[in-house]
């Protein structure tokens, strides 16, 4: 099994890239969705987050309101760090379970794991290869404002709260630029997929 990390800053098009890898037959996982699952009521992370941040970050149905929580942590680096300390270990546990299931079922799979903070957390070291997705800064800002219905100032704050795309690219084995059309992005994803296939074949032969 080839384990591939996929990362990039907020609103650069990681989900679109991931969907193409899925179409190509890769097993794909979104760490943000895994984080949603580990933060559900009844889970350890839920109890720890409510204990740390208070019930004011809950929605009416007592689930964690991610918009309310985001408003708190994006404005305060220390509180953001504390949230990551609570959530990340649980996400990695869940990832390991999923990776183990895939390896047992289809050991020749290419697995793509998407995680926004993979480099910051050091989690990228667990993977055979790392893909960094990026786009030009203006496109990123406009996408984030549109997607999350944010003001320019709020969107810029969220972008600045993360490691820059330029810094993330220094860690990349492969880069995917989503600044252009969807068709251009798709073409580049296919190129990367073919390179991963070749690497996997060489790894199998030498292994």
N, C-alpha and C. Protein backbone atom coordinates (compact mmCIF):
# COMPACT_ATOMS: atom_id res chain seq x y z
N UNK A 1 0.84 -1.20 0.00
CA UNK A 1 0.00 0.00 0.00
C UNK A 1 0.88 1.25 0.00
N UNK A 2 0.53 2.20 -0.85
CA UNK A 2 1.26 3.46 -0.90
C UNK A 2 0.45 4.51 -0.14
N UNK A 3 1.05 5.07 0.90
CA UNK A 3 0.38 6.07 1.73
C UNK A 3 0.86 7.46 1.31
N UNK A 4 -0.10 8.28 0.88
CA UNK A 4 0.23 9.61 0.35
C UNK A 4 -0.51 10.67 1.16
N UNK A 5 0.23 11.64 1.67
CA UNK A 5 -0.38 12.77 2.34
C UNK A 5 -0.69 13.86 1.34
N UNK A 6 -1.82 14.54 1.54
CA UNK A 6 -2.20 15.66 0.69
C UNK A 6 -2.54 16.83 1.60
N UNK A 7 -1.91 17.97 1.36
CA UNK A 7 -2.15 19.11 2.23
C UNK A 7 -2.12 20.40 1.43
N UNK A 8 -2.43 21.49 2.10
CA UNK A 8 -2.47 22.81 1.48
C UNK A 8 -3.19 23.74 2.43
N UNK A 9 -3.03 25.02 2.23
CA UNK A 9 -3.68 26.00 3.08
C UNK A 9 -5.19 26.01 2.84
N UNK A 10 -5.89 26.79 3.64
CA UNK A 10 -7.34 26.86 3.57
C UNK A 10 -7.81 27.39 2.21
N UNK A 11 -8.85 26.76 1.66
CA UNK A 11 -9.54 27.23 0.44
C UNK A 11 -8.66 27.27 -0.80
N UNK A 12 -7.76 26.29 -0.92
CA UNK A 12 -6.92 26.23 -2.13
C UNK A 12 -7.40 25.17 -3.12
N UNK A 13 -8.44 24.40 -2.76
CA UNK A 13 -8.99 23.43 -3.70
C UNK A 13 -8.64 21.99 -3.40
N UNK A 14 -8.31 21.69 -2.16
CA UNK A 14 -7.93 20.31 -1.80
C UNK A 14 -9.07 19.32 -2.06
N UNK A 15 -10.30 19.71 -1.76
CA UNK A 15 -11.44 18.79 -1.94
C UNK A 15 -11.63 18.43 -3.41
N UNK A 16 -11.46 19.40 -4.30
CA UNK A 16 -11.59 19.13 -5.73
C UNK A 16 -10.52 18.15 -6.20
N UNK A 17 -9.30 18.36 -5.73
CA UNK A 17 -8.19 17.47 -6.07
C UNK A 17 -8.47 16.07 -5.55
N UNK A 18 -8.95 16.00 -4.33
CA UNK A 18 -9.23 14.70 -3.71
C UNK A 18 -10.30 13.94 -4.49
N UNK A 19 -11.29 14.66 -5.00
CA UNK A 19 -12.37 14.00 -5.74
C UNK A 19 -11.85 13.38 -7.03
N UNK A 20 -10.86 14.00 -7.67
CA UNK A 20 -10.28 13.42 -8.88
C UNK A 20 -9.48 12.17 -8.54
N UNK A 21 -8.72 12.21 -7.47
CA UNK A 21 -7.99 11.01 -7.03
C UNK A 21 -8.97 9.86 -6.74
N UNK A 22 -10.13 10.21 -6.18
CA UNK A 22 -11.14 9.18 -5.90
C UNK A 22 -11.63 8.56 -7.21
N UNK A 23 -11.91 9.41 -8.20
CA UNK A 23 -12.35 8.92 -9.51
C UNK A 23 -11.31 7.99 -10.15
N UNK A 24 -10.04 8.25 -9.89
CA UNK A 24 -8.96 7.47 -10.48
C UNK A 24 -8.74 6.13 -9.76
N UNK A 25 -9.50 5.91 -8.68
CA UNK A 25 -9.43 4.63 -7.99
C UNK A 25 -8.66 4.62 -6.69
N UNK A 26 -8.18 5.78 -6.27
CA UNK A 26 -7.47 5.85 -4.99
C UNK A 26 -8.48 5.77 -3.83
N UNK A 27 -8.02 5.23 -2.71
CA UNK A 27 -8.80 5.32 -1.47
C UNK A 27 -8.49 6.69 -0.87
N UNK A 28 -9.49 7.51 -0.64
CA UNK A 28 -9.24 8.87 -0.18
C UNK A 28 -9.95 9.13 1.16
N UNK A 29 -9.27 9.89 2.00
CA UNK A 29 -9.83 10.26 3.30
C UNK A 29 -9.57 11.73 3.56
N UNK A 30 -10.55 12.40 4.13
CA UNK A 30 -10.47 13.81 4.46
C UNK A 30 -10.34 13.92 5.98
N UNK A 31 -9.18 14.39 6.45
CA UNK A 31 -8.96 14.47 7.90
C UNK A 31 -9.94 15.41 8.57
N UNK A 32 -10.45 16.42 7.83
CA UNK A 32 -11.42 17.33 8.42
C UNK A 32 -12.72 16.59 8.75
N UNK A 33 -13.12 15.68 7.86
CA UNK A 33 -14.32 14.88 8.13
C UNK A 33 -14.08 13.91 9.27
N UNK A 34 -12.85 13.38 9.35
CA UNK A 34 -12.51 12.51 10.48
C UNK A 34 -12.58 13.32 11.78
N UNK A 35 -12.09 14.57 11.71
CA UNK A 35 -12.14 15.44 12.90
C UNK A 35 -13.59 15.70 13.31
N UNK A 36 -14.48 15.89 12.32
CA UNK A 36 -15.91 16.07 12.62
C UNK A 36 -16.41 14.87 13.43
N UNK A 37 -16.02 13.67 12.98
CA UNK A 37 -16.50 12.45 13.62
C UNK A 37 -15.98 12.33 15.06
N UNK A 38 -14.70 12.64 15.28
CA UNK A 38 -14.16 12.48 16.63
C UNK A 38 -14.67 13.57 17.58
N UNK A 39 -15.28 14.64 17.02
CA UNK A 39 -15.82 15.71 17.86
C UNK A 39 -17.32 15.56 18.11
N UNK A 40 -17.90 14.44 17.70
CA UNK A 40 -19.33 14.23 17.93
C UNK A 40 -19.62 13.98 19.41
N UNK A 41 -20.84 14.32 19.85
CA UNK A 41 -21.21 14.08 21.25
C UNK A 41 -20.97 12.62 21.65
N UNK A 42 -20.44 12.44 22.84
CA UNK A 42 -20.15 11.10 23.33
C UNK A 42 -18.71 10.68 23.14
N UNK A 43 -17.98 11.37 22.24
CA UNK A 43 -16.58 11.04 22.01
C UNK A 43 -15.70 11.81 23.00
N UNK A 44 -14.50 11.28 23.25
CA UNK A 44 -13.58 11.91 24.21
C UNK A 44 -13.24 13.35 23.82
N UNK A 45 -12.99 13.57 22.54
CA UNK A 45 -12.61 14.91 22.10
C UNK A 45 -13.73 15.91 22.37
N UNK A 46 -14.98 15.49 22.19
CA UNK A 46 -16.12 16.36 22.46
C UNK A 46 -16.10 16.82 23.91
N UNK A 47 -15.93 15.87 24.82
CA UNK A 47 -15.92 16.22 26.25
C UNK A 47 -14.78 17.17 26.59
N UNK A 48 -13.61 16.91 26.00
CA UNK A 48 -12.45 17.76 26.28
C UNK A 48 -12.61 19.16 25.70
N UNK A 49 -13.19 19.26 24.51
CA UNK A 49 -13.38 20.56 23.88
C UNK A 49 -14.39 21.41 24.65
N UNK A 50 -15.50 20.80 25.04
CA UNK A 50 -16.51 21.53 25.81
C UNK A 50 -15.94 21.94 27.17
N UNK A 51 -15.14 21.04 27.76
CA UNK A 51 -14.50 21.37 29.04
C UNK A 51 -13.53 22.53 28.92
N UNK A 52 -12.85 22.59 27.80
CA UNK A 52 -11.84 23.64 27.58
C UNK A 52 -12.45 24.97 27.15
N UNK A 53 -13.43 24.92 26.24
CA UNK A 53 -13.94 26.14 25.61
C UNK A 53 -15.32 26.57 26.11
N UNK A 54 -15.99 25.71 26.86
CA UNK A 54 -17.28 26.08 27.42
C UNK A 54 -18.46 25.77 26.52
N UNK A 55 -19.64 25.75 27.10
CA UNK A 55 -20.84 25.38 26.36
C UNK A 55 -21.30 26.44 25.36
N UNK A 56 -20.67 27.62 25.41
CA UNK A 56 -21.06 28.67 24.46
C UNK A 56 -20.65 28.33 23.02
N UNK A 57 -19.80 27.30 22.84
CA UNK A 57 -19.42 26.92 21.47
C UNK A 57 -20.35 25.80 20.94
N UNK A 58 -21.41 25.49 21.68
CA UNK A 58 -22.35 24.45 21.25
C UNK A 58 -23.53 25.06 20.48
N UNK A 59 -24.05 24.26 19.54
CA UNK A 59 -25.28 24.62 18.84
C UNK A 59 -26.47 24.24 19.71
N UNK A 60 -27.66 24.57 19.24
CA UNK A 60 -28.88 24.28 20.02
C UNK A 60 -29.05 22.79 20.28
N UNK A 61 -28.58 21.94 19.35
CA UNK A 61 -28.73 20.49 19.52
C UNK A 61 -27.57 19.87 20.30
N UNK A 62 -26.73 20.74 20.89
CA UNK A 62 -25.60 20.32 21.74
C UNK A 62 -24.40 19.75 20.98
N UNK A 63 -24.46 19.79 19.64
CA UNK A 63 -23.26 19.46 18.87
C UNK A 63 -22.33 20.68 18.89
N UNK A 64 -21.06 20.46 18.60
CA UNK A 64 -20.12 21.58 18.55
C UNK A 64 -20.40 22.41 17.29
N UNK A 65 -20.62 23.69 17.49
CA UNK A 65 -20.83 24.62 16.38
C UNK A 65 -19.45 25.04 15.89
N UNK A 66 -19.04 24.51 14.74
CA UNK A 66 -17.67 24.74 14.28
C UNK A 66 -17.42 26.21 13.93
N UNK A 67 -18.47 26.94 13.53
CA UNK A 67 -18.31 28.36 13.25
C UNK A 67 -17.99 29.13 14.53
N UNK A 68 -18.71 28.80 15.61
CA UNK A 68 -18.45 29.46 16.90
C UNK A 68 -17.06 29.10 17.42
N UNK A 69 -16.72 27.84 17.32
CA UNK A 69 -15.40 27.40 17.78
C UNK A 69 -14.30 28.05 16.94
N UNK A 70 -14.53 28.11 15.63
CA UNK A 70 -13.56 28.73 14.73
C UNK A 70 -13.33 30.19 15.05
N UNK A 71 -14.40 30.90 15.38
CA UNK A 71 -14.29 32.32 15.71
C UNK A 71 -13.39 32.53 16.93
N UNK A 72 -13.42 31.58 17.85
CA UNK A 72 -12.58 31.66 19.06
C UNK A 72 -11.12 31.35 18.73
N UNK A 73 -10.88 30.24 18.04
CA UNK A 73 -9.50 29.77 17.88
C UNK A 73 -8.72 30.49 16.79
N UNK A 74 -9.40 30.99 15.75
CA UNK A 74 -8.66 31.69 14.71
C UNK A 74 -8.17 33.06 15.18
N UNK A 75 -8.75 33.57 16.24
CA UNK A 75 -8.35 34.87 16.77
C UNK A 75 -7.31 34.75 17.88
N UNK A 76 -6.96 33.52 18.28
CA UNK A 76 -6.08 33.32 19.44
C UNK A 76 -5.19 32.11 19.20
N UNK A 77 -3.92 32.35 18.96
CA UNK A 77 -2.99 31.26 18.62
C UNK A 77 -2.88 30.23 19.74
N UNK A 78 -2.91 30.66 20.99
CA UNK A 78 -2.78 29.72 22.11
C UNK A 78 -4.00 28.80 22.21
N UNK A 79 -5.18 29.37 22.00
CA UNK A 79 -6.39 28.55 22.06
C UNK A 79 -6.47 27.60 20.86
N UNK A 80 -5.98 28.07 19.71
CA UNK A 80 -5.92 27.20 18.53
C UNK A 80 -4.97 26.02 18.79
N UNK A 81 -3.84 26.31 19.40
CA UNK A 81 -2.88 25.26 19.75
C UNK A 81 -3.51 24.25 20.70
N UNK A 82 -4.27 24.74 21.67
CA UNK A 82 -4.92 23.84 22.64
C UNK A 82 -5.94 22.95 21.95
N UNK A 83 -6.73 23.52 21.01
CA UNK A 83 -7.70 22.71 20.27
C UNK A 83 -6.99 21.61 19.48
N UNK A 84 -5.89 21.97 18.82
CA UNK A 84 -5.14 20.98 18.05
C UNK A 84 -4.60 19.87 18.95
N UNK A 85 -4.18 20.23 20.15
CA UNK A 85 -3.67 19.23 21.09
C UNK A 85 -4.75 18.23 21.49
N UNK A 86 -5.99 18.69 21.52
CA UNK A 86 -7.11 17.81 21.85
C UNK A 86 -7.50 16.93 20.67
N UNK A 87 -7.60 17.56 19.50
CA UNK A 87 -8.18 16.86 18.34
C UNK A 87 -7.18 15.98 17.59
N UNK A 88 -5.96 16.46 17.37
CA UNK A 88 -5.02 15.75 16.50
C UNK A 88 -4.72 14.31 16.91
N UNK A 89 -4.45 14.03 18.19
CA UNK A 89 -4.17 12.63 18.54
C UNK A 89 -5.34 11.70 18.23
N UNK A 90 -6.57 12.19 18.40
CA UNK A 90 -7.75 11.37 18.11
C UNK A 90 -7.90 11.16 16.60
N UNK A 91 -7.58 12.19 15.82
CA UNK A 91 -7.65 12.07 14.36
C UNK A 91 -6.63 11.05 13.87
N UNK A 92 -5.43 11.10 14.41
CA UNK A 92 -4.38 10.15 13.99
C UNK A 92 -4.77 8.72 14.35
N UNK A 93 -5.36 8.52 15.51
CA UNK A 93 -5.84 7.18 15.89
C UNK A 93 -6.85 6.66 14.87
N UNK A 94 -7.78 7.54 14.49
CA UNK A 94 -8.82 7.16 13.53
C UNK A 94 -8.20 6.88 12.15
N UNK A 95 -7.24 7.72 11.76
CA UNK A 95 -6.55 7.50 10.49
C UNK A 95 -5.86 6.14 10.47
N UNK A 96 -5.19 5.80 11.56
CA UNK A 96 -4.48 4.52 11.62
C UNK A 96 -5.43 3.34 11.48
N UNK A 97 -6.61 3.45 12.07
CA UNK A 97 -7.62 2.40 11.93
C UNK A 97 -8.05 2.25 10.47
N UNK A 98 -8.32 3.38 9.82
CA UNK A 98 -8.76 3.37 8.43
C UNK A 98 -7.67 2.83 7.50
N UNK A 99 -6.43 3.25 7.73
CA UNK A 99 -5.32 2.78 6.90
C UNK A 99 -5.12 1.28 7.07
N UNK A 100 -5.26 0.80 8.32
CA UNK A 100 -5.12 -0.63 8.58
C UNK A 100 -6.19 -1.44 7.87
N UNK A 101 -7.43 -0.92 7.85
CA UNK A 101 -8.53 -1.63 7.17
C UNK A 101 -8.27 -1.72 5.66
N UNK A 102 -7.80 -0.61 5.07
CA UNK A 102 -7.52 -0.60 3.63
C UNK A 102 -6.39 -1.57 3.29
N UNK A 103 -5.34 -1.55 4.09
CA UNK A 103 -4.18 -2.41 3.82
C UNK A 103 -4.56 -3.88 3.90
N UNK A 104 -5.43 -4.22 4.85
CA UNK A 104 -5.85 -5.61 5.00
C UNK A 104 -6.73 -6.05 3.83
N UNK A 105 -7.55 -5.12 3.32
CA UNK A 105 -8.51 -5.45 2.27
C UNK A 105 -7.89 -5.39 0.87
N UNK A 106 -7.15 -4.32 0.59
CA UNK A 106 -6.55 -4.13 -0.74
C UNK A 106 -5.13 -3.60 -0.57
N UNK A 107 -4.18 -4.50 -0.35
CA UNK A 107 -2.81 -4.09 -0.02
C UNK A 107 -2.07 -3.34 -1.13
N UNK A 108 -2.58 -3.37 -2.37
CA UNK A 108 -1.91 -2.64 -3.45
C UNK A 108 -2.54 -1.27 -3.72
N UNK A 109 -3.34 -0.79 -2.79
CA UNK A 109 -4.02 0.50 -2.95
C UNK A 109 -3.06 1.67 -2.87
N UNK A 110 -3.46 2.78 -3.51
CA UNK A 110 -2.87 4.08 -3.23
C UNK A 110 -3.87 4.82 -2.34
N UNK A 111 -3.44 5.17 -1.15
CA UNK A 111 -4.32 5.86 -0.21
C UNK A 111 -3.89 7.32 -0.11
N UNK A 112 -4.85 8.23 -0.32
CA UNK A 112 -4.59 9.67 -0.22
C UNK A 112 -5.27 10.19 1.04
N UNK A 113 -4.50 10.74 1.96
CA UNK A 113 -5.04 11.29 3.20
C UNK A 113 -4.88 12.81 3.16
N UNK A 114 -6.00 13.52 3.16
CA UNK A 114 -6.01 14.98 3.09
C UNK A 114 -6.08 15.56 4.50
N UNK A 115 -5.10 16.40 4.85
CA UNK A 115 -5.11 17.05 6.16
C UNK A 115 -4.47 18.43 6.04
N UNK A 116 -5.19 19.46 6.44
CA UNK A 116 -4.70 20.84 6.29
C UNK A 116 -3.44 21.11 7.10
N UNK A 117 -3.34 20.49 8.28
CA UNK A 117 -2.21 20.79 9.19
C UNK A 117 -1.20 19.65 9.23
N UNK A 118 -1.09 18.90 8.17
CA UNK A 118 -0.21 17.73 8.13
C UNK A 118 1.26 18.11 8.34
N UNK A 119 1.69 19.22 7.78
CA UNK A 119 3.09 19.65 7.94
C UNK A 119 3.30 20.22 9.34
N UNK A 120 2.41 21.10 9.76
CA UNK A 120 2.55 21.74 11.07
C UNK A 120 2.59 20.72 12.21
N UNK A 121 1.81 19.67 12.09
CA UNK A 121 1.73 18.66 13.15
C UNK A 121 2.84 17.62 13.05
N UNK A 122 3.56 17.61 11.92
CA UNK A 122 4.58 16.57 11.69
C UNK A 122 3.99 15.28 11.15
N UNK A 123 2.67 15.25 10.95
CA UNK A 123 2.00 14.04 10.50
C UNK A 123 2.42 13.57 9.11
N UNK A 124 2.96 14.49 8.31
CA UNK A 124 3.37 14.12 6.94
C UNK A 124 4.47 13.06 6.94
N UNK A 125 5.23 12.98 8.02
CA UNK A 125 6.34 12.01 8.10
C UNK A 125 5.86 10.57 8.09
N UNK A 126 4.58 10.35 8.34
CA UNK A 126 4.01 8.99 8.36
C UNK A 126 3.72 8.47 6.96
N UNK A 127 3.87 9.34 5.95
CA UNK A 127 3.45 8.98 4.59
C UNK A 127 4.65 8.79 3.67
N UNK A 128 4.43 8.00 2.62
CA UNK A 128 5.50 7.72 1.65
C UNK A 128 5.80 8.93 0.78
N UNK A 129 4.77 9.69 0.43
CA UNK A 129 4.90 10.87 -0.41
C UNK A 129 3.97 11.96 0.10
N UNK A 130 4.32 13.22 -0.24
CA UNK A 130 3.49 14.35 0.18
C UNK A 130 3.15 15.21 -1.04
N UNK A 131 1.85 15.48 -1.22
CA UNK A 131 1.36 16.37 -2.27
C UNK A 131 0.93 17.68 -1.61
N UNK A 132 1.38 18.80 -2.15
CA UNK A 132 0.93 20.11 -1.66
C UNK A 132 0.08 20.78 -2.74
N UNK A 133 -1.15 21.14 -2.37
CA UNK A 133 -2.08 21.84 -3.25
C UNK A 133 -2.00 23.33 -2.93
N UNK A 134 -1.98 24.17 -3.95
CA UNK A 134 -1.91 25.61 -3.73
C UNK A 134 -2.59 26.34 -4.88
N UNK A 135 -2.82 27.63 -4.69
CA UNK A 135 -3.32 28.48 -5.78
C UNK A 135 -2.81 29.89 -5.53
N UNK A 136 -3.06 30.80 -6.46
CA UNK A 136 -2.58 32.17 -6.26
C UNK A 136 -3.35 32.82 -5.10
N UNK A 137 -2.71 33.74 -4.36
CA UNK A 137 -3.31 34.31 -3.15
C UNK A 137 -4.68 34.96 -3.36
N UNK A 138 -4.87 35.64 -4.49
CA UNK A 138 -6.16 36.31 -4.72
C UNK A 138 -7.28 35.29 -4.88
N UNK A 139 -7.02 34.21 -5.61
CA UNK A 139 -8.03 33.15 -5.77
C UNK A 139 -8.36 32.52 -4.42
N UNK A 140 -7.34 32.29 -3.61
CA UNK A 140 -7.56 31.71 -2.28
C UNK A 140 -8.46 32.59 -1.44
N UNK A 141 -8.16 33.88 -1.43
CA UNK A 141 -8.95 34.83 -0.64
C UNK A 141 -10.40 34.86 -1.11
N UNK A 142 -10.60 34.96 -2.42
CA UNK A 142 -11.96 35.03 -2.98
C UNK A 142 -12.74 33.75 -2.71
N UNK A 143 -12.08 32.60 -2.84
CA UNK A 143 -12.74 31.32 -2.58
C UNK A 143 -13.18 31.21 -1.13
N UNK A 144 -12.31 31.64 -0.22
CA UNK A 144 -12.63 31.53 1.20
C UNK A 144 -13.78 32.47 1.57
N UNK A 145 -13.75 33.69 1.05
CA UNK A 145 -14.83 34.64 1.33
C UNK A 145 -16.17 34.09 0.84
N UNK A 146 -16.15 33.53 -0.37
CA UNK A 146 -17.38 33.00 -0.98
C UNK A 146 -17.85 31.74 -0.25
N UNK A 147 -16.92 30.82 0.01
CA UNK A 147 -17.29 29.54 0.60
C UNK A 147 -17.84 29.67 2.02
N UNK A 148 -17.18 30.52 2.82
CA UNK A 148 -17.54 30.63 4.24
C UNK A 148 -18.35 31.88 4.56
N UNK A 149 -18.70 32.65 3.49
CA UNK A 149 -19.47 33.88 3.68
C UNK A 149 -18.77 34.81 4.68
N UNK A 150 -17.48 35.05 4.44
CA UNK A 150 -16.66 35.87 5.35
C UNK A 150 -16.36 37.22 4.72
N UNK A 151 -16.11 38.20 5.56
CA UNK A 151 -15.60 39.48 5.09
C UNK A 151 -14.15 39.29 4.67
N UNK A 152 -13.62 40.26 3.92
CA UNK A 152 -12.22 40.18 3.50
C UNK A 152 -11.30 40.10 4.73
N UNK A 153 -11.60 40.90 5.75
CA UNK A 153 -10.75 40.93 6.95
C UNK A 153 -10.76 39.59 7.66
N UNK A 154 -11.95 38.99 7.79
CA UNK A 154 -12.06 37.69 8.48
C UNK A 154 -11.35 36.59 7.69
N UNK A 155 -11.48 36.65 6.37
CA UNK A 155 -10.83 35.65 5.52
C UNK A 155 -9.31 35.79 5.60
N UNK A 156 -8.82 37.04 5.56
CA UNK A 156 -7.37 37.27 5.64
C UNK A 156 -6.83 36.78 6.98
N UNK A 157 -7.60 36.96 8.04
CA UNK A 157 -7.18 36.50 9.38
C UNK A 157 -7.01 34.99 9.39
N UNK A 158 -7.95 34.28 8.77
CA UNK A 158 -7.88 32.81 8.74
C UNK A 158 -6.69 32.33 7.90
N UNK A 159 -6.45 33.01 6.80
CA UNK A 159 -5.31 32.62 5.95
C UNK A 159 -4.00 32.85 6.67
N UNK A 160 -3.88 34.00 7.34
CA UNK A 160 -2.64 34.32 8.06
C UNK A 160 -2.41 33.39 9.25
N UNK A 161 -3.49 32.79 9.76
CA UNK A 161 -3.37 31.91 10.93
C UNK A 161 -2.69 30.59 10.58
N UNK A 162 -2.57 30.29 9.28
CA UNK A 162 -1.96 29.03 8.85
C UNK A 162 -0.60 29.27 8.21
N UNK A 163 0.19 28.20 8.13
CA UNK A 163 1.44 28.24 7.38
C UNK A 163 1.13 28.62 5.93
N UNK A 164 1.97 29.45 5.33
CA UNK A 164 1.71 29.91 3.97
C UNK A 164 1.91 28.79 2.96
N UNK A 165 1.29 28.97 1.81
CA UNK A 165 1.46 27.99 0.73
C UNK A 165 2.92 27.89 0.31
N UNK A 166 3.61 29.02 0.25
CA UNK A 166 5.03 29.00 -0.15
C UNK A 166 5.85 28.15 0.80
N UNK A 167 5.55 28.24 2.08
CA UNK A 167 6.29 27.45 3.07
C UNK A 167 5.95 25.97 2.94
N UNK A 168 4.66 25.66 2.76
CA UNK A 168 4.24 24.26 2.62
C UNK A 168 4.89 23.61 1.40
N UNK A 169 5.04 24.38 0.33
CA UNK A 169 5.57 23.82 -0.92
C UNK A 169 7.01 23.32 -0.77
N UNK A 170 7.72 23.82 0.21
CA UNK A 170 9.10 23.37 0.45
C UNK A 170 9.16 21.90 0.86
N UNK A 171 8.04 21.38 1.36
CA UNK A 171 7.99 19.99 1.83
C UNK A 171 7.47 19.02 0.76
N UNK A 172 7.03 19.55 -0.36
CA UNK A 172 6.27 18.74 -1.33
C UNK A 172 7.15 17.79 -2.15
N UNK A 173 6.64 16.57 -2.35
CA UNK A 173 7.18 15.68 -3.38
C UNK A 173 6.52 16.00 -4.72
N UNK A 174 5.23 16.39 -4.65
CA UNK A 174 4.47 16.78 -5.83
C UNK A 174 3.66 18.01 -5.49
N UNK A 175 3.51 18.90 -6.48
CA UNK A 175 2.70 20.11 -6.30
C UNK A 175 1.54 20.11 -7.29
N UNK A 176 0.38 20.59 -6.83
CA UNK A 176 -0.78 20.74 -7.71
C UNK A 176 -1.30 22.16 -7.57
N UNK A 177 -1.21 22.92 -8.65
CA UNK A 177 -1.65 24.31 -8.69
C UNK A 177 -3.09 24.35 -9.20
N UNK A 178 -4.00 24.86 -8.38
CA UNK A 178 -5.42 24.90 -8.76
C UNK A 178 -5.87 26.30 -9.21
N UNK A 179 -4.91 27.17 -9.54
CA UNK A 179 -5.26 28.55 -9.92
C UNK A 179 -6.03 28.61 -11.24
N UNK A 180 -5.80 27.65 -12.11
CA UNK A 180 -6.43 27.65 -13.43
C UNK A 180 -7.80 27.01 -13.44
N UNK A 181 -8.18 26.49 -14.59
CA UNK A 181 -9.49 25.87 -14.75
C UNK A 181 -9.54 24.50 -14.08
N UNK A 182 -10.75 23.99 -13.89
CA UNK A 182 -10.91 22.65 -13.32
C UNK A 182 -10.26 21.60 -14.22
N UNK A 183 -10.33 21.81 -15.52
CA UNK A 183 -9.73 20.86 -16.46
C UNK A 183 -8.21 20.85 -16.34
N UNK A 184 -7.62 22.02 -16.15
CA UNK A 184 -6.17 22.10 -15.95
C UNK A 184 -5.76 21.41 -14.65
N UNK A 185 -6.56 21.61 -13.60
CA UNK A 185 -6.28 20.94 -12.33
C UNK A 185 -6.39 19.44 -12.49
N UNK A 186 -7.44 19.00 -13.15
CA UNK A 186 -7.65 17.56 -13.36
C UNK A 186 -6.48 16.93 -14.12
N UNK A 187 -6.00 17.62 -15.13
CA UNK A 187 -4.86 17.12 -15.91
C UNK A 187 -3.64 16.93 -15.03
N UNK A 188 -3.39 17.89 -14.15
CA UNK A 188 -2.23 17.80 -13.26
C UNK A 188 -2.41 16.67 -12.24
N UNK A 189 -3.62 16.49 -11.73
CA UNK A 189 -3.88 15.39 -10.78
C UNK A 189 -3.58 14.05 -11.45
N UNK A 190 -4.01 13.89 -12.69
CA UNK A 190 -3.75 12.64 -13.42
C UNK A 190 -2.26 12.41 -13.59
N UNK A 191 -1.51 13.48 -13.88
CA UNK A 191 -0.05 13.37 -14.00
C UNK A 191 0.57 12.88 -12.69
N UNK A 192 0.13 13.46 -11.59
CA UNK A 192 0.66 13.06 -10.28
C UNK A 192 0.28 11.61 -9.97
N UNK A 193 -0.96 11.25 -10.28
CA UNK A 193 -1.42 9.87 -10.06
C UNK A 193 -0.52 8.88 -10.81
N UNK A 194 -0.21 9.19 -12.07
CA UNK A 194 0.63 8.29 -12.87
C UNK A 194 2.04 8.19 -12.28
N UNK A 195 2.54 9.30 -11.75
CA UNK A 195 3.86 9.27 -11.10
C UNK A 195 3.81 8.43 -9.83
N UNK A 196 2.73 8.52 -9.08
CA UNK A 196 2.57 7.71 -7.87
C UNK A 196 2.51 6.22 -8.21
N UNK A 197 1.81 5.90 -9.29
CA UNK A 197 1.72 4.51 -9.74
C UNK A 197 3.11 3.96 -10.07
N UNK A 198 3.90 4.76 -10.79
CA UNK A 198 5.26 4.33 -11.14
C UNK A 198 6.11 4.14 -9.89
N UNK A 199 5.99 5.07 -8.95
CA UNK A 199 6.74 4.94 -7.69
C UNK A 199 6.32 3.69 -6.94
N UNK A 200 5.01 3.44 -6.90
CA UNK A 200 4.52 2.24 -6.21
C UNK A 200 5.06 0.96 -6.83
N UNK A 201 5.10 0.92 -8.16
CA UNK A 201 5.63 -0.27 -8.86
C UNK A 201 7.11 -0.49 -8.54
N UNK A 202 7.88 0.59 -8.52
CA UNK A 202 9.30 0.48 -8.17
C UNK A 202 9.48 0.03 -6.72
N UNK A 203 8.63 0.57 -5.86
CA UNK A 203 8.68 0.20 -4.43
C UNK A 203 8.36 -1.27 -4.26
N UNK A 204 7.38 -1.79 -5.00
CA UNK A 204 6.98 -3.20 -4.92
C UNK A 204 8.11 -4.11 -5.40
N UNK A 205 8.75 -3.71 -6.51
CA UNK A 205 9.84 -4.51 -7.06
C UNK A 205 11.04 -4.57 -6.12
N UNK A 206 11.36 -3.41 -5.51
CA UNK A 206 12.52 -3.36 -4.64
C UNK A 206 12.25 -3.91 -3.25
N UNK A 207 10.91 -3.99 -2.92
CA UNK A 207 10.53 -4.46 -1.59
C UNK A 207 10.59 -5.93 -1.45
